[in-house]
Amino acid sequence: MAKLRRVSDGEGDSGSAVTAVRFHEGEIEEKQTTKPIIGWSLKVGSVTAGTYSTRDWWMTTPVTEILEEDSKGYYKFKTGNSIYEFWL
């Protein structure tokens, strides 16, 4: 199960759905991923609606820089306004 956490306040989400999202030429483009991709937003959460949750997923603004990564699936990255950690 993937986990996404904003470093500044611990906000984020976890779940089995990990999607890269970008807005390109007026269209929303989405693709399954296992890591953050520069220029794409990262969306992590539940495949189906979280019945007992206040939200179903968390999505970052577009990734601008990968700060750290390791062979175990951990990434630390920057967006336009935050720093996040991601574990797969």
PDB file of N, CA and C in Angstrom:
ATOM      1  N   MET A   1       0.845  -1.172   0.000  1.00  0.00           N
ATOM      2  CA  MET A   1       0.000   0.000   0.000  1.00  0.00           C
ATOM      3  C   MET A   1       0.896   1.241   0.000  1.00  0.00           C
ATOM      4  N   ALA A   2       0.576   2.196  -0.826  1.00  0.00           N
ATOM      5  CA  ALA A   2       1.347   3.428  -0.947  1.00  0.00           C
ATOM      6  C   ALA A   2       0.943   4.433   0.121  1.00  0.00           C
ATOM      7  N   LYS A   3       1.889   5.308   0.478  1.00  0.00           N
ATOM      8  CA  LYS A   3       1.616   6.362   1.452  1.00  0.00           C
ATOM      9  C   LYS A   3       2.234   7.661   0.948  1.00  0.00           C
ATOM     10  N   LEU A   4       1.469   8.746   1.014  1.00  0.00           N
ATOM     11  CA  LEU A   4       1.913  10.077   0.612  1.00  0.00           C
ATOM     12  C   LEU A   4       1.736  11.007   1.807  1.00  0.00           C
ATOM     13  N   ARG A   5       2.815  11.742   2.187  1.00  0.00           N
ATOM     14  CA  ARG A   5       2.748  12.613   3.363  1.00  0.00           C
ATOM     15  C   ARG A   5       3.438  13.940   3.077  1.00  0.00           C
ATOM     16  N   ARG A   6       2.735  15.056   3.352  1.00  0.00           N
ATOM     17  CA  ARG A   6       3.340  16.380   3.226  1.00  0.00           C
ATOM     18  C   ARG A   6       4.185  16.619   4.469  1.00  0.00           C
ATOM     19  N   VAL A   7       5.452  16.976   4.289  1.00  0.00           N
ATOM     20  CA  VAL A   7       6.391  17.109   5.392  1.00  0.00           C
ATOM     21  C   VAL A   7       5.972  18.202   6.379  1.00  0.00           C
ATOM     22  N   SER A   8       5.462  19.310   5.913  1.00  0.00           N
ATOM     23  CA  SER A   8       5.174  20.456   6.785  1.00  0.00           C
ATOM     24  C   SER A   8       4.118  20.186   7.844  1.00  0.00           C
ATOM     25  N   ASP A   9       3.138  19.356   7.553  1.00  0.00           N
ATOM     26  CA  ASP A   9       2.051  19.147   8.514  1.00  0.00           C
ATOM     27  C   ASP A   9       1.554  17.705   8.613  1.00  0.00           C
ATOM     28  N   GLY A  10       2.169  16.791   7.880  1.00  0.00           N
ATOM     29  CA  GLY A  10       1.777  15.382   7.953  1.00  0.00           C
ATOM     30  C   GLY A  10       0.531  15.018   7.179  1.00  0.00           C
ATOM     31  N   GLU A  11      -0.084  15.975   6.494  1.00  0.00           N
ATOM     32  CA  GLU A  11      -1.284  15.677   5.698  1.00  0.00           C
ATOM     33  C   GLU A  11      -0.924  14.797   4.504  1.00  0.00           C
ATOM     34  N   GLY A  12      -1.895  14.054   4.019  1.00  0.00           N
ATOM     35  CA  GLY A  12      -1.705  13.170   2.877  1.00  0.00           C
ATOM     36  C   GLY A  12      -2.719  12.050   2.922  1.00  0.00           C
ATOM     37  N   ASP A  13      -2.373  10.935   2.316  1.00  0.00           N
ATOM     38  CA  ASP A  13      -3.282   9.799   2.295  1.00  0.00           C
ATOM     39  C   ASP A  13      -2.490   8.546   1.982  1.00  0.00           C
ATOM     40  N   SER A  14      -3.141   7.410   2.100  1.00  0.00           N
ATOM     41  CA  SER A  14      -2.537   6.132   1.735  1.00  0.00           C
ATOM     42  C   SER A  14      -3.591   5.298   1.030  1.00  0.00           C
ATOM     43  N   GLY A  15      -3.131   4.323   0.268  1.00  0.00           N
ATOM     44  CA  GLY A  15      -4.060   3.451  -0.442  1.00  0.00           C
ATOM     45  C   GLY A  15      -3.371   2.718  -1.568  1.00  0.00           C
ATOM     46  N   SER A  16      -4.118   1.901  -2.248  1.00  0.00           N
ATOM     47  CA  SER A  16      -3.549   1.082  -3.313  1.00  0.00           C
ATOM     48  C   SER A  16      -3.578   1.766  -4.678  1.00  0.00           C
ATOM     49  N   ALA A  17      -4.265   2.894  -4.792  1.00  0.00           N
ATOM     50  CA  ALA A  17      -4.333   3.607  -6.076  1.00  0.00           C
ATOM     51  C   ALA A  17      -3.272   4.712  -6.107  1.00  0.00           C
ATOM     52  N   VAL A  18      -2.338   4.618  -7.054  1.00  0.00           N
ATOM     53  CA  VAL A  18      -1.298   5.626  -7.240  1.00  0.00           C
ATOM     54  C   VAL A  18      -1.352   6.053  -8.702  1.00  0.00           C
ATOM     55  N   THR A  19      -1.644   7.327  -8.926  1.00  0.00           N
ATOM     56  CA  THR A  19      -1.853   7.832 -10.278  1.00  0.00           C
ATOM     57  C   THR A  19      -1.059   9.117 -10.485  1.00  0.00           C
ATOM     58  N   ALA A  20      -0.444   9.249 -11.650  1.00  0.00           N
ATOM     59  CA  ALA A  20       0.170  10.512 -12.059  1.00  0.00           C
ATOM     60  C   ALA A  20      -0.869  11.264 -12.890  1.00  0.00           C
ATOM     61  N   VAL A  21      -1.015  12.560 -12.624  1.00  0.00           N
ATOM     62  CA  VAL A  21      -2.039  13.370 -13.285  1.00  0.00           C
ATOM     63  C   VAL A  21      -1.386  14.641 -13.809  1.00  0.00           C
ATOM     64  N   ARG A  22      -1.746  15.008 -15.053  1.00  0.00           N
ATOM     65  CA  ARG A  22      -1.302  16.305 -15.560  1.00  0.00           C
ATOM     66  C   ARG A  22      -2.387  16.893 -16.441  1.00  0.00           C
ATOM     67  N   PHE A  23      -2.358  18.210 -16.517  1.00  0.00           N
ATOM     68  CA  PHE A  23      -3.287  18.947 -17.361  1.00  0.00           C
ATOM     69  C   PHE A  23      -2.497  19.358 -18.595  1.00  0.00           C
ATOM     70  N   HIS A  24      -2.909  18.840 -19.747  1.00  0.00           N
ATOM     71  CA  HIS A  24      -2.146  19.030 -20.970  1.00  0.00           C
ATOM     72  C   HIS A  24      -3.094  19.406 -22.106  1.00  0.00           C
ATOM     73  N   GLU A  25      -2.884  20.587 -22.677  1.00  0.00           N
ATOM     74  CA  GLU A  25      -3.693  21.076 -23.795  1.00  0.00           C
ATOM     75  C   GLU A  25      -5.189  21.009 -23.488  1.00  0.00           C
ATOM     76  N   GLY A  26      -5.556  21.440 -22.286  1.00  0.00           N
ATOM     77  CA  GLY A  26      -6.965  21.493 -21.903  1.00  0.00           C
ATOM     78  C   GLY A  26      -7.570  20.163 -21.494  1.00  0.00           C
ATOM     79  N   GLU A  27      -6.788  19.116 -21.475  1.00  0.00           N
ATOM     80  CA  GLU A  27      -7.277  17.783 -21.121  1.00  0.00           C
ATOM     81  C   GLU A  27      -6.586  17.297 -19.847  1.00  0.00           C
ATOM     82  N   ILE A  28      -7.268  16.438 -19.118  1.00  0.00           N
ATOM     83  CA  ILE A  28      -6.667  15.789 -17.958  1.00  0.00           C
ATOM     84  C   ILE A  28      -6.120  14.446 -18.411  1.00  0.00           C
ATOM     85  N   GLU A  29      -4.834  14.230 -18.173  1.00  0.00           N
ATOM     86  CA  GLU A  29      -4.190  12.970 -18.540  1.00  0.00           C
ATOM     87  C   GLU A  29      -3.811  12.241 -17.249  1.00  0.00           C
ATOM     88  N   GLU A  30      -4.128  10.966 -17.154  1.00  0.00           N
ATOM     89  CA  GLU A  30      -3.826  10.165 -15.971  1.00  0.00           C
ATOM     90  C   GLU A  30      -3.158   8.872 -16.387  1.00  0.00           C
ATOM     91  N   LYS A  31      -2.200   8.415 -15.551  1.00  0.00           N
ATOM     92  CA  LYS A  31      -1.591   7.111 -15.789  1.00  0.00           C
ATOM     93  C   LYS A  31      -1.153   6.517 -14.458  1.00  0.00           C
ATOM     94  N   GLN A  32      -1.225   5.202 -14.363  1.00  0.00           N
ATOM     95  CA  GLN A  32      -0.767   4.501 -13.165  1.00  0.00           C
ATOM     96  C   GLN A  32       0.743   4.656 -13.063  1.00  0.00           C
ATOM     97  N   THR A  33       1.246   4.773 -11.836  1.00  0.00           N
ATOM     98  CA  THR A  33       2.684   4.937 -11.635  1.00  0.00           C
ATOM     99  C   THR A  33       3.101   4.297 -10.324  1.00  0.00           C
ATOM    100  N   THR A  34       4.397   4.135 -10.148  1.00  0.00           N
ATOM    101  CA  THR A  34       4.946   3.621  -8.896  1.00  0.00           C
ATOM    102  C   THR A  34       5.881   4.632  -8.253  1.00  0.00           C
ATOM    103  N   LYS A  35       5.926   5.863  -8.821  1.00  0.00           N
ATOM    104  CA  LYS A  35       6.813   6.891  -8.281  1.00  0.00           C
ATOM    105  C   LYS A  35       6.370   8.266  -8.755  1.00  0.00           C
ATOM    106  N   PRO A  36       6.818   9.323  -8.091  1.00  0.00           N
ATOM    107  CA  PRO A  36       6.514  10.672  -8.556  1.00  0.00           C
ATOM    108  C   PRO A  36       7.233  10.952  -9.878  1.00  0.00           C
ATOM    109  N   ILE A  37       6.610  11.739 -10.740  1.00  0.00           N
ATOM    110  CA  ILE A  37       7.172  12.076 -12.054  1.00  0.00           C
ATOM    111  C   ILE A  37       7.229  13.598 -12.170  1.00  0.00           C
ATOM    112  N   ILE A  38       8.383  14.129 -12.521  1.00  0.00           N
ATOM    113  CA  ILE A  38       8.527  15.578 -12.660  1.00  0.00           C
ATOM    114  C   ILE A  38       7.546  16.085 -13.718  1.00  0.00           C
ATOM    115  N   GLY A  39       6.824  17.157 -13.361  1.00  0.00           N
ATOM    116  CA  GLY A  39       5.834  17.754 -14.248  1.00  0.00           C
ATOM    117  C   GLY A  39       4.425  17.206 -14.079  1.00  0.00           C
ATOM    118  N   TRP A  40       4.273  16.151 -13.315  1.00  0.00           N
ATOM    119  CA  TRP A  40       2.974  15.519 -13.073  1.00  0.00           C
ATOM    120  C   TRP A  40       2.612  15.643 -11.594  1.00  0.00           C
ATOM    121  N   SER A  41       1.344  15.749 -11.282  1.00  0.00           N
ATOM    122  CA  SER A  41       0.865  15.675  -9.909  1.00  0.00           C
ATOM    123  C   SER A  41       0.798  14.213  -9.505  1.00  0.00           C
ATOM    124  N   LEU A  42       0.917  13.930  -8.211  1.00  0.00           N
ATOM    125  CA  LEU A  42       0.819  12.565  -7.709  1.00  0.00           C
ATOM    126  C   LEU A  42      -0.445  12.448  -6.870  1.00  0.00           C
ATOM    127  N   LYS A  43      -1.274  11.469  -7.196  1.00  0.00           N
ATOM    128  CA  LYS A  43      -2.545  11.240  -6.515  1.00  0.00           C
ATOM    129  C   LYS A  43      -2.502   9.859  -5.861  1.00  0.00           C
ATOM    130  N   VAL A  44      -2.742   9.809  -4.567  1.00  0.00           N
ATOM    131  CA  VAL A  44      -2.687   8.550  -3.814  1.00  0.00           C
ATOM    132  C   VAL A  44      -3.968   8.415  -2.997  1.00  0.00           C
ATOM    133  N   GLY A  45      -4.531   7.222  -3.001  1.00  0.00           N
ATOM    134  CA  GLY A  45      -5.728   6.990  -2.191  1.00  0.00           C
ATOM    135  C   GLY A  45      -6.354   5.650  -2.456  1.00  0.00           C
ATOM    136  N   SER A  46      -7.636   5.602  -2.211  1.00  0.00           N
ATOM    137  CA  SER A  46      -8.389   4.372  -2.316  1.00  0.00           C
ATOM    138  C   SER A  46      -8.914   4.167  -3.747  1.00  0.00           C
ATOM    139  N   VAL A  47      -9.014   2.917  -4.148  1.00  0.00           N
ATOM    140  CA  VAL A  47      -9.542   2.587  -5.473  1.00  0.00           C
ATOM    141  C   VAL A  47     -11.033   2.894  -5.534  1.00  0.00           C
ATOM    142  N   THR A  48     -11.722   2.633  -4.445  1.00  0.00           N
ATOM    143  CA  THR A  48     -13.147   2.937  -4.340  1.00  0.00           C
ATOM    144  C   THR A  48     -13.347   3.986  -3.262  1.00  0.00           C
ATOM    145  N   ALA A  49     -14.513   4.522  -3.168  1.00  0.00           N
ATOM    146  CA  ALA A  49     -14.800   5.549  -2.167  1.00  0.00           C
ATOM    147  C   ALA A  49     -14.548   5.024  -0.758  1.00  0.00           C
ATOM    148  N   GLY A  50     -13.899   5.839   0.066  1.00  0.00           N
ATOM    149  CA  GLY A  50     -13.636   5.484   1.456  1.00  0.00           C
ATOM    150  C   GLY A  50     -14.878   5.715   2.305  1.00  0.00           C
ATOM    151  N   THR A  51     -15.658   4.703   2.490  1.00  0.00           N
ATOM    152  CA  THR A  51     -16.951   4.806   3.144  1.00  0.00           C
ATOM    153  C   THR A  51     -16.888   5.523   4.498  1.00  0.00           C
ATOM    154  N   TYR A  52     -15.870   5.221   5.291  1.00  0.00           N
ATOM    155  CA  TYR A  52     -15.780   5.805   6.630  1.00  0.00           C
ATOM    156  C   TYR A  52     -14.706   6.886   6.723  1.00  0.00           C
ATOM    157  N   SER A  53     -14.287   7.423   5.603  1.00  0.00           N
ATOM    158  CA  SER A  53     -13.220   8.412   5.574  1.00  0.00           C
ATOM    159  C   SER A  53     -13.761   9.780   5.168  1.00  0.00           C
ATOM    160  N   THR A  54     -13.052  10.821   5.581  1.00  0.00           N
ATOM    161  CA  THR A  54     -13.450  12.173   5.194  1.00  0.00           C
ATOM    162  C   THR A  54     -12.990  12.508   3.779  1.00  0.00           C
ATOM    163  N   ARG A  55     -12.075  11.717   3.241  1.00  0.00           N
ATOM    164  CA  ARG A  55     -11.626  11.917   1.859  1.00  0.00           C
ATOM    165  C   ARG A  55     -11.204  10.582   1.257  1.00  0.00           C
ATOM    166  N   ASP A  56     -11.161  10.538  -0.051  1.00  0.00           N
ATOM    167  CA  ASP A  56     -10.828   9.303  -0.759  1.00  0.00           C
ATOM    168  C   ASP A  56      -9.410   9.290  -1.318  1.00  0.00           C
ATOM    169  N   TRP A  57      -8.789  10.462  -1.453  1.00  0.00           N
ATOM    170  CA  TRP A  57      -7.435  10.543  -2.010  1.00  0.00           C
ATOM    171  C   TRP A  57      -6.821  11.903  -1.705  1.00  0.00           C
ATOM    172  N   TRP A  58      -5.512  12.015  -1.967  1.00  0.00           N
ATOM    173  CA  TRP A  58      -4.776  13.271  -1.821  1.00  0.00           C
ATOM    174  C   TRP A  58      -3.970  13.456  -3.094  1.00  0.00           C
ATOM    175  N   MET A  59      -3.983  14.662  -3.636  1.00  0.00           N
ATOM    176  CA  MET A  59      -3.221  14.939  -4.853  1.00  0.00           C
ATOM    177  C   MET A  59      -2.336  16.153  -4.643  1.00  0.00           C
ATOM    178  N   THR A  60      -1.085  16.051  -5.060  1.00  0.00           N
ATOM    179  CA  THR A  60      -0.139  17.150  -4.956  1.00  0.00           C
ATOM    180  C   THR A  60      -0.303  18.095  -6.147  1.00  0.00           C
ATOM    181  N   THR A  61       0.356  19.230  -6.076  1.00  0.00           N
ATOM    182  CA  THR A  61       0.539  20.059  -7.259  1.00  0.00           C
ATOM    183  C   THR A  61       1.676  19.407  -8.054  1.00  0.00           C
ATOM    184  N   PRO A  62       1.973  19.860  -9.280  1.00  0.00           N
ATOM    185  CA  PRO A  62       3.000  19.188 -10.083  1.00  0.00           C
ATOM    186  C   PRO A  62       4.366  19.100  -9.387  1.00  0.00           C
ATOM    187  N   VAL A  63       4.990  17.948  -9.542  1.00  0.00           N
ATOM    188  CA  VAL A  63       6.316  17.681  -8.975  1.00  0.00           C
ATOM    189  C   VAL A  63       7.355  18.502  -9.735  1.00  0.00           C
ATOM    190  N   THR A  64       8.232  19.192  -8.984  1.00  0.00           N
ATOM    191  CA  THR A  64       9.263  20.019  -9.614  1.00  0.00           C
ATOM    192  C   THR A  64      10.659  19.438  -9.473  1.00  0.00           C
ATOM    193  N   GLU A  65      10.876  18.610  -8.437  1.00  0.00           N
ATOM    194  CA  GLU A  65      12.221  18.080  -8.196  1.00  0.00           C
ATOM    195  C   GLU A  65      12.149  16.851  -7.305  1.00  0.00           C
ATOM    196  N   ILE A  66      12.935  15.826  -7.626  1.00  0.00           N
ATOM    197  CA  ILE A  66      13.085  14.653  -6.768  1.00  0.00           C
ATOM    198  C   ILE A  66      14.294  14.930  -5.877  1.00  0.00           C
ATOM    199  N   LEU A  67      14.088  14.959  -4.569  1.00  0.00           N
ATOM    200  CA  LEU A  67      15.162  15.277  -3.623  1.00  0.00           C
ATOM    201  C   LEU A  67      15.919  14.043  -3.160  1.00  0.00           C
ATOM    202  N   GLU A  68      15.193  12.937  -2.934  1.00  0.00           N
ATOM    203  CA  GLU A  68      15.795  11.673  -2.480  1.00  0.00           C
ATOM    204  C   GLU A  68      15.006  10.514  -3.059  1.00  0.00           C
ATOM    205  N   GLU A  69      15.695   9.412  -3.259  1.00  0.00           N
ATOM    206  CA  GLU A  69      15.016   8.165  -3.612  1.00  0.00           C
ATOM    207  C   GLU A  69      15.900   7.010  -3.201  1.00  0.00           C
ATOM    208  N   ASP A  70      15.294   5.873  -2.888  1.00  0.00           N
ATOM    209  CA  ASP A  70      16.075   4.687  -2.574  1.00  0.00           C
ATOM    210  C   ASP A  70      15.489   3.473  -3.284  1.00  0.00           C
ATOM    211  N   SER A  71      16.178   2.367  -3.178  1.00  0.00           N
ATOM    212  CA  SER A  71      15.773   1.148  -3.894  1.00  0.00           C
ATOM    213  C   SER A  71      14.561   0.463  -3.270  1.00  0.00           C
ATOM    214  N   LYS A  72      14.111   0.928  -2.106  1.00  0.00           N
ATOM    215  CA  LYS A  72      12.967   0.316  -1.422  1.00  0.00           C
ATOM    216  C   LYS A  72      11.647   0.993  -1.763  1.00  0.00           C
ATOM    217  N   GLY A  73      11.655   1.999  -2.656  1.00  0.00           N
ATOM    218  CA  GLY A  73      10.417   2.660  -3.058  1.00  0.00           C
ATOM    219  C   GLY A  73      10.102   3.925  -2.289  1.00  0.00           C
ATOM    220  N   TYR A  74      11.105   4.515  -1.626  1.00  0.00           N
ATOM    221  CA  TYR A  74      10.909   5.773  -0.893  1.00  0.00           C
ATOM    222  C   TYR A  74      11.358   6.938  -1.776  1.00  0.00           C
ATOM    223  N   TYR A  75      10.550   8.008  -1.783  1.00  0.00           N
ATOM    224  CA  TYR A  75      10.883   9.227  -2.522  1.00  0.00           C
ATOM    225  C   TYR A  75      10.567  10.431  -1.655  1.00  0.00           C
ATOM    226  N   LYS A  76      11.429  11.420  -1.713  1.00  0.00           N
ATOM    227  CA  LYS A  76      11.168  12.732  -1.128  1.00  0.00           C
ATOM    228  C   LYS A  76      11.234  13.696  -2.295  1.00  0.00           C
ATOM    229  N   PHE A  77      10.203  14.541  -2.455  1.00  0.00           N
ATOM    230  CA  PHE A  77      10.160  15.399  -3.628  1.00  0.00           C
ATOM    231  C   PHE A  77       9.516  16.739  -3.331  1.00  0.00           C
ATOM    232  N   LYS A  78       9.789  17.704  -4.213  1.00  0.00           N
ATOM    233  CA  LYS A  78       9.229  19.047  -4.089  1.00  0.00           C
ATOM    234  C   LYS A  78       8.150  19.256  -5.131  1.00  0.00           C
ATOM    235  N   THR A  79       7.157  20.039  -4.741  1.00  0.00           N
ATOM    236  CA  THR A  79       6.163  20.544  -5.689  1.00  0.00           C
ATOM    237  C   THR A  79       6.333  22.060  -5.707  1.00  0.00           C
ATOM    238  N   GLY A  80       5.448  22.770  -6.352  1.00  0.00           N
ATOM    239  CA  GLY A  80       5.550  24.218  -6.403  1.00  0.00           C
ATOM    240  C   GLY A  80       5.444  24.888  -5.045  1.00  0.00           C
ATOM    241  N   ASN A  81       4.810  24.211  -4.076  1.00  0.00           N
ATOM    242  CA  ASN A  81       4.610  24.856  -2.781  1.00  0.00           C
ATOM    243  C   ASN A  81       4.844  23.962  -1.567  1.00  0.00           C
ATOM    244  N   SER A  82       5.290  22.715  -1.748  1.00  0.00           N
ATOM    245  CA  SER A  82       5.457  21.814  -0.601  1.00  0.00           C
ATOM    246  C   SER A  82       6.555  20.792  -0.858  1.00  0.00           C
ATOM    247  N   ILE A  83       6.940  20.109   0.207  1.00  0.00           N
ATOM    248  CA  ILE A  83       7.824  18.952   0.121  1.00  0.00           C
ATOM    249  C   ILE A  83       7.037  17.754   0.638  1.00  0.00           C
ATOM    250  N   TYR A  84       7.128  16.641  -0.087  1.00  0.00           N
ATOM    251  CA  TYR A  84       6.389  15.417   0.246  1.00  0.00           C
ATOM    252  C   TYR A  84       7.327  14.235   0.383  1.00  0.00           C
ATOM    253  N   GLU A  85       6.828  13.217   1.103  1.00  0.00           N
ATOM    254  CA  GLU A  85       7.459  11.912   1.141  1.00  0.00           C
ATOM    255  C   GLU A  85       6.453  10.911   0.590  1.00  0.00           C
ATOM    256  N   PHE A  86       6.967   9.922  -0.135  1.00  0.00           N
ATOM    257  CA  PHE A  86       6.133   8.894  -0.743  1.00  0.00           C
ATOM    258  C   PHE A  86       6.803   7.548  -0.542  1.00  0.00           C
ATOM    259  N   TRP A  87       6.007   6.568  -0.074  1.00  0.00           N
ATOM    260  CA  TRP A  87       6.488   5.205   0.100  1.00  0.00           C
ATOM    261  C   TRP A  87       5.583   4.277  -0.701  1.00  0.00           C
ATOM    262  N   LEU A  88       6.175   3.317  -1.352  1.00  0.00           N
ATOM    263  CA  LEU A  88       5.383   2.322  -2.069  1.00  0.00           C
ATOM    264  C   LEU A  88       5.504   0.988  -1.394  1.00  0.00           C
TER     265      LEU A  88
END
